C-alpha cells in the first residue's frame, strides 16, 4: 500500500448537509448555483493548491 503525505497550511472541516460557502465565495473559489464548490476530477478548485472534498463539492 502506498502512503502519501502532504503538508497543508489550513484544513477546513465541516459538519452538516447544507453548504455554508459564503467565506469560500469571498475567497474567489467557484461554486455552482446550489453553492457547492466546483472541482475537477482531482478535487482541485479553480485556485491553485486549493482542494475541496466530500459533501460540499461537485465535479
PDB file of N, CA and C in Angstrom:
ATOM      1  N   UNK A   1       0.833  -1.175   0.000  1.00  0.00           N
ATOM      2  CA  UNK A   1       0.000   0.000   0.000  1.00  0.00           C
ATOM      3  C   UNK A   1       0.883   1.245   0.000  1.00  0.00           C
ATOM      4  N   UNK A   2       0.585   2.173  -0.913  1.00  0.00           N
ATOM      5  CA  UNK A   2       1.320   3.433  -0.964  1.00  0.00           C
ATOM      6  C   UNK A   2       0.769   4.393   0.077  1.00  0.00           C
ATOM      7  N   UNK A   3       1.662   5.127   0.685  1.00  0.00           N
ATOM      8  CA  UNK A   3       1.271   6.153   1.649  1.00  0.00           C
ATOM      9  C   UNK A   3       1.695   7.497   1.086  1.00  0.00           C
ATOM     10  N   UNK A   4       0.771   8.428   1.058  1.00  0.00           N
ATOM     11  CA  UNK A   4       1.055   9.770   0.557  1.00  0.00           C
ATOM     12  C   UNK A   4       0.990  10.748   1.715  1.00  0.00           C
ATOM     13  N   UNK A   5       1.941  11.665   1.750  1.00  0.00           N
ATOM     14  CA  UNK A   5       1.943  12.703   2.774  1.00  0.00           C
ATOM     15  C   UNK A   5       1.899  14.053   2.092  1.00  0.00           C
ATOM     16  N   UNK A   6       1.168  14.972   2.668  1.00  0.00           N
ATOM     17  CA  UNK A   6       1.044  16.319   2.129  1.00  0.00           C
ATOM     18  C   UNK A   6       0.960  17.280   3.308  1.00  0.00           C
ATOM     19  N   UNK A   7       1.649  18.391   3.207  1.00  0.00           N
ATOM     20  CA  UNK A   7       1.614  19.412   4.244  1.00  0.00           C
ATOM     21  C   UNK A   7       0.650  20.512   3.822  1.00  0.00           C
ATOM     22  N   UNK A   8      -0.178  20.956   4.746  1.00  0.00           N
ATOM     23  CA  UNK A   8      -1.161  21.995   4.467  1.00  0.00           C
ATOM     24  C   UNK A   8      -0.997  23.145   5.449  1.00  0.00           C
ATOM     25  N   UNK A   9      -1.322  24.339   4.987  1.00  0.00           N
ATOM     26  CA  UNK A   9      -1.353  25.498   5.874  1.00  0.00           C
ATOM     27  C   UNK A   9      -2.647  25.527   6.677  1.00  0.00           C
ATOM     28  N   UNK A  10      -3.719  24.972   6.098  1.00  0.00           N
ATOM     29  CA  UNK A  10      -5.016  25.025   6.757  1.00  0.00           C
ATOM     30  C   UNK A  10      -5.902  23.899   6.241  1.00  0.00           C
ATOM     31  N   UNK A  11      -6.735  23.374   7.116  1.00  0.00           N
ATOM     32  CA  UNK A  11      -7.778  22.422   6.731  1.00  0.00           C
ATOM     33  C   UNK A  11      -9.081  22.929   7.331  1.00  0.00           C
ATOM     34  N   UNK A  12     -10.114  23.004   6.509  1.00  0.00           N
ATOM     35  CA  UNK A  12     -11.421  23.451   6.985  1.00  0.00           C
ATOM     36  C   UNK A  12     -12.325  22.232   7.011  1.00  0.00           C
ATOM     37  N   UNK A  13     -12.803  21.885   8.183  1.00  0.00           N
ATOM     38  CA  UNK A  13     -13.632  20.701   8.362  1.00  0.00           C
ATOM     39  C   UNK A  13     -15.048  21.168   8.665  1.00  0.00           C
ATOM     40  N   UNK A  14     -16.020  20.554   7.981  1.00  0.00           N
ATOM     41  CA  UNK A  14     -17.404  20.980   8.157  1.00  0.00           C
ATOM     42  C   UNK A  14     -18.282  19.814   8.576  1.00  0.00           C
ATOM     43  N   UNK A  15     -19.398  20.148   9.186  1.00  0.00           N
ATOM     44  CA  UNK A  15     -20.384  19.154   9.588  1.00  0.00           C
ATOM     45  C   UNK A  15     -21.750  19.663   9.137  1.00  0.00           C
ATOM     46  N   UNK A  16     -22.555  18.773   8.589  1.00  0.00           N
ATOM     47  CA  UNK A  16     -23.892  19.166   8.165  1.00  0.00           C
ATOM     48  C   UNK A  16     -24.140  18.835   6.711  1.00  0.00           C
ATOM     49  N   UNK A  17     -25.303  19.232   6.218  1.00  0.00           N
ATOM     50  CA  UNK A  17     -25.649  18.885   4.847  1.00  0.00           C
ATOM     51  C   UNK A  17     -25.941  20.081   3.959  1.00  0.00           C
ATOM     52  N   UNK A  18     -26.022  21.273   4.520  1.00  0.00           N
ATOM     53  CA  UNK A  18     -26.273  22.465   3.711  1.00  0.00           C
ATOM     54  C   UNK A  18     -24.962  23.225   3.562  1.00  0.00           C
ATOM     55  N   UNK A  19     -24.503  23.437   2.331  1.00  0.00           N
ATOM     56  CA  UNK A  19     -23.230  24.133   2.156  1.00  0.00           C
ATOM     57  C   UNK A  19     -23.292  25.555   2.710  1.00  0.00           C
ATOM     58  N   UNK A  20     -22.343  25.884   3.549  1.00  0.00           N
ATOM     59  CA  UNK A  20     -22.204  27.250   4.067  1.00  0.00           C
ATOM     60  C   UNK A  20     -20.935  27.804   3.433  1.00  0.00           C
ATOM     61  N   UNK A  21     -21.071  28.298   2.216  1.00  0.00           N
ATOM     62  CA  UNK A  21     -19.892  28.615   1.408  1.00  0.00           C
ATOM     63  C   UNK A  21     -19.654  30.108   1.220  1.00  0.00           C
ATOM     64  N   UNK A  22     -20.268  30.938   2.034  1.00  0.00           N
ATOM     65  CA  UNK A  22     -20.092  32.384   1.869  1.00  0.00           C
ATOM     66  C   UNK A  22     -18.615  32.774   1.928  1.00  0.00           C
ATOM     67  N   UNK A  23     -17.883  32.242   2.919  1.00  0.00           N
ATOM     68  CA  UNK A  23     -16.464  32.580   3.034  1.00  0.00           C
ATOM     69  C   UNK A  23     -15.657  32.026   1.867  1.00  0.00           C
ATOM     70  N   UNK A  24     -16.114  30.926   1.293  1.00  0.00           N
ATOM     71  CA  UNK A  24     -15.425  30.335   0.145  1.00  0.00           C
ATOM     72  C   UNK A  24     -15.603  31.227  -1.081  1.00  0.00           C
ATOM     73  N   UNK A  25     -16.808  31.715  -1.288  1.00  0.00           N
ATOM     74  CA  UNK A  25     -17.061  32.622  -2.415  1.00  0.00           C
ATOM     75  C   UNK A  25     -16.249  33.904  -2.270  1.00  0.00           C
ATOM     76  N   UNK A  26     -16.136  34.420  -1.057  1.00  0.00           N
ATOM     77  CA  UNK A  26     -15.346  35.638  -0.826  1.00  0.00           C
ATOM     78  C   UNK A  26     -13.878  35.424  -1.167  1.00  0.00           C
ATOM     79  N   UNK A  27     -13.403  34.183  -1.053  1.00  0.00           N
ATOM     80  CA  UNK A  27     -12.015  33.859  -1.386  1.00  0.00           C
ATOM     81  C   UNK A  27     -11.815  33.708  -2.890  1.00  0.00           C
ATOM     82  N   UNK A  28     -12.915  33.739  -3.665  1.00  0.00           N
ATOM     83  CA  UNK A  28     -12.812  33.628  -5.115  1.00  0.00           C
ATOM     84  C   UNK A  28     -12.918  32.218  -5.653  1.00  0.00           C
ATOM     85  N   UNK A  29     -13.267  31.274  -4.800  1.00  0.00           N
ATOM     86  CA  UNK A  29     -13.418  29.883  -5.226  1.00  0.00           C
ATOM     87  C   UNK A  29     -14.785  29.734  -5.890  1.00  0.00           C
ATOM     88  N   UNK A  30     -14.821  29.091  -7.050  1.00  0.00           N
ATOM     89  CA  UNK A  30     -16.067  28.926  -7.801  1.00  0.00           C
ATOM     90  C   UNK A  30     -17.014  27.953  -7.107  1.00  0.00           C
ATOM     91  N   UNK A  31     -18.294  28.329  -7.099  1.00  0.00           N
ATOM     92  CA  UNK A  31     -19.353  27.450  -6.608  1.00  0.00           C
ATOM     93  C   UNK A  31     -20.455  27.400  -7.657  1.00  0.00           C
ATOM     94  N   UNK A  32     -21.262  26.335  -7.624  1.00  0.00           N
ATOM     95  CA  UNK A  32     -22.357  26.224  -8.584  1.00  0.00           C
ATOM     96  C   UNK A  32     -23.606  26.937  -8.055  1.00  0.00           C
ATOM     97  N   UNK A  33     -24.721  26.818  -8.767  1.00  0.00           N
ATOM     98  CA  UNK A  33     -25.949  27.535  -8.391  1.00  0.00           C
ATOM     99  C   UNK A  33     -26.517  27.077  -7.052  1.00  0.00           C
ATOM    100  N   UNK A  34     -26.103  25.895  -6.588  1.00  0.00           N
ATOM    101  CA  UNK A  34     -26.555  25.376  -5.294  1.00  0.00           C
ATOM    102  C   UNK A  34     -25.520  25.578  -4.188  1.00  0.00           C
ATOM    103  N   UNK A  35     -24.501  26.394  -4.471  1.00  0.00           N
ATOM    104  CA  UNK A  35     -23.420  26.720  -3.528  1.00  0.00           C
ATOM    105  C   UNK A  35     -22.477  25.568  -3.221  1.00  0.00           C
ATOM    106  N   UNK A  36     -22.412  24.570  -4.104  1.00  0.00           N
ATOM    107  CA  UNK A  36     -21.413  23.522  -3.957  1.00  0.00           C
ATOM    108  C   UNK A  36     -20.132  23.975  -4.649  1.00  0.00           C
ATOM    109  N   UNK A  37     -18.995  23.714  -4.034  1.00  0.00           N
ATOM    110  CA  UNK A  37     -17.706  24.073  -4.623  1.00  0.00           C
ATOM    111  C   UNK A  37     -17.504  23.247  -5.882  1.00  0.00           C
ATOM    112  N   UNK A  38     -17.111  23.887  -6.978  1.00  0.00           N
ATOM    113  CA  UNK A  38     -16.853  23.158  -8.220  1.00  0.00           C
ATOM    114  C   UNK A  38     -15.391  22.733  -8.250  1.00  0.00           C
ATOM    115  N   UNK A  39     -15.175  21.467  -8.594  1.00  0.00           N
ATOM    116  CA  UNK A  39     -13.835  20.884  -8.617  1.00  0.00           C
ATOM    117  C   UNK A  39     -13.650  20.065  -9.887  1.00  0.00           C
ATOM    118  N   UNK A  40     -12.380  19.758 -10.195  1.00  0.00           N
ATOM    119  CA  UNK A  40     -12.096  18.869 -11.319  1.00  0.00           C
ATOM    120  C   UNK A  40     -12.015  17.426 -10.820  1.00  0.00           C
ATOM    121  N   UNK A  41     -11.587  16.511 -11.673  1.00  0.00           N
ATOM    122  CA  UNK A  41     -11.551  15.093 -11.292  1.00  0.00           C
ATOM    123  C   UNK A  41     -10.536  14.796 -10.195  1.00  0.00           C
ATOM    124  N   UNK A  42      -9.648  15.747  -9.907  1.00  0.00           N
ATOM    125  CA  UNK A  42      -8.657  15.581  -8.842  1.00  0.00           C
ATOM    126  C   UNK A  42      -9.063  16.346  -7.582  1.00  0.00           C
ATOM    127  N   UNK A  43     -10.303  16.858  -7.565  1.00  0.00           N
ATOM    128  CA  UNK A  43     -10.872  17.616  -6.450  1.00  0.00           C
ATOM    129  C   UNK A  43     -10.230  18.989  -6.272  1.00  0.00           C
ATOM    130  N   UNK A  44      -9.586  19.487  -7.333  1.00  0.00           N
ATOM    131  CA  UNK A  44      -8.931  20.791  -7.316  1.00  0.00           C
ATOM    132  C   UNK A  44      -9.947  21.870  -7.665  1.00  0.00           C
ATOM    133  N   UNK A  45      -9.914  22.976  -6.931  1.00  0.00           N
ATOM    134  CA  UNK A  45     -10.786  24.107  -7.228  1.00  0.00           C
ATOM    135  C   UNK A  45     -10.155  24.948  -8.327  1.00  0.00           C
ATOM    136  N   UNK A  46     -10.766  26.073  -8.623  1.00  0.00           N
ATOM    137  CA  UNK A  46     -10.231  26.968  -9.647  1.00  0.00           C
ATOM    138  C   UNK A  46      -9.005  27.743  -9.164  1.00  0.00           C
ATOM    139  N   UNK A  47      -8.640  27.616  -7.907  1.00  0.00           N
ATOM    140  CA  UNK A  47      -7.483  28.318  -7.356  1.00  0.00           C
ATOM    141  C   UNK A  47      -6.380  27.307  -7.074  1.00  0.00           C
ATOM    142  N   UNK A  48      -5.160  27.620  -7.533  1.00  0.00           N
ATOM    143  CA  UNK A  48      -4.019  26.718  -7.344  1.00  0.00           C
ATOM    144  C   UNK A  48      -3.847  26.325  -5.879  1.00  0.00           C
ATOM    145  N   UNK A  49      -3.573  25.044  -5.677  1.00  0.00           N
ATOM    146  CA  UNK A  49      -3.280  24.466  -4.361  1.00  0.00           C
ATOM    147  C   UNK A  49      -4.446  24.517  -3.372  1.00  0.00           C
ATOM    148  N   UNK A  50      -5.662  24.691  -3.869  1.00  0.00           N
ATOM    149  CA  UNK A  50      -6.840  24.613  -3.002  1.00  0.00           C
ATOM    150  C   UNK A  50      -7.736  23.500  -3.528  1.00  0.00           C
ATOM    151  N   UNK A  51      -8.026  22.543  -2.641  1.00  0.00           N
ATOM    152  CA  UNK A  51      -8.820  21.376  -2.984  1.00  0.00           C
ATOM    153  C   UNK A  51     -10.038  21.311  -2.074  1.00  0.00           C
ATOM    154  N   UNK A  52     -11.096  20.702  -2.552  1.00  0.00           N
ATOM    155  CA  UNK A  52     -12.307  20.510  -1.752  1.00  0.00           C
ATOM    156  C   UNK A  52     -12.635  19.022  -1.755  1.00  0.00           C
ATOM    157  N   UNK A  53     -13.198  18.553  -0.667  1.00  0.00           N
ATOM    158  CA  UNK A  53     -13.531  17.135  -0.591  1.00  0.00           C
ATOM    159  C   UNK A  53     -14.947  16.930  -0.083  1.00  0.00           C
ATOM    160  N   UNK A  54     -15.468  15.807  -0.428  1.00  0.00           N
ATOM    161  CA  UNK A  54     -16.708  15.241   0.070  1.00  0.00           C
ATOM    162  C   UNK A  54     -17.956  16.042  -0.184  1.00  0.00           C
ATOM    163  N   UNK A  55     -18.658  16.318   0.838  1.00  0.00           N
ATOM    164  CA  UNK A  55     -20.039  16.751   0.828  1.00  0.00           C
ATOM    165  C   UNK A  55     -20.289  18.107   0.174  1.00  0.00           C
ATOM    166  N   UNK A  56     -19.332  19.015   0.192  1.00  0.00           N
ATOM    167  CA  UNK A  56     -19.584  20.374  -0.280  1.00  0.00           C
ATOM    168  C   UNK A  56     -19.039  20.658  -1.661  1.00  0.00           C
ATOM    169  N   UNK A  57     -18.794  19.621  -2.440  1.00  0.00           N
ATOM    170  CA  UNK A  57     -18.287  19.883  -3.784  1.00  0.00           C
ATOM    171  C   UNK A  57     -18.964  18.985  -4.806  1.00  0.00           C
ATOM    172  N   UNK A  58     -18.940  19.452  -6.033  1.00  0.00           N
ATOM    173  CA  UNK A  58     -19.466  18.708  -7.182  1.00  0.00           C
ATOM    174  C   UNK A  58     -18.431  18.808  -8.286  1.00  0.00           C
ATOM    175  N   UNK A  59     -18.171  17.691  -8.933  1.00  0.00           N
ATOM    176  CA  UNK A  59     -17.219  17.734 -10.047  1.00  0.00           C
ATOM    177  C   UNK A  59     -17.949  17.720 -11.368  1.00  0.00           C
TER     178      UNK A  59
END
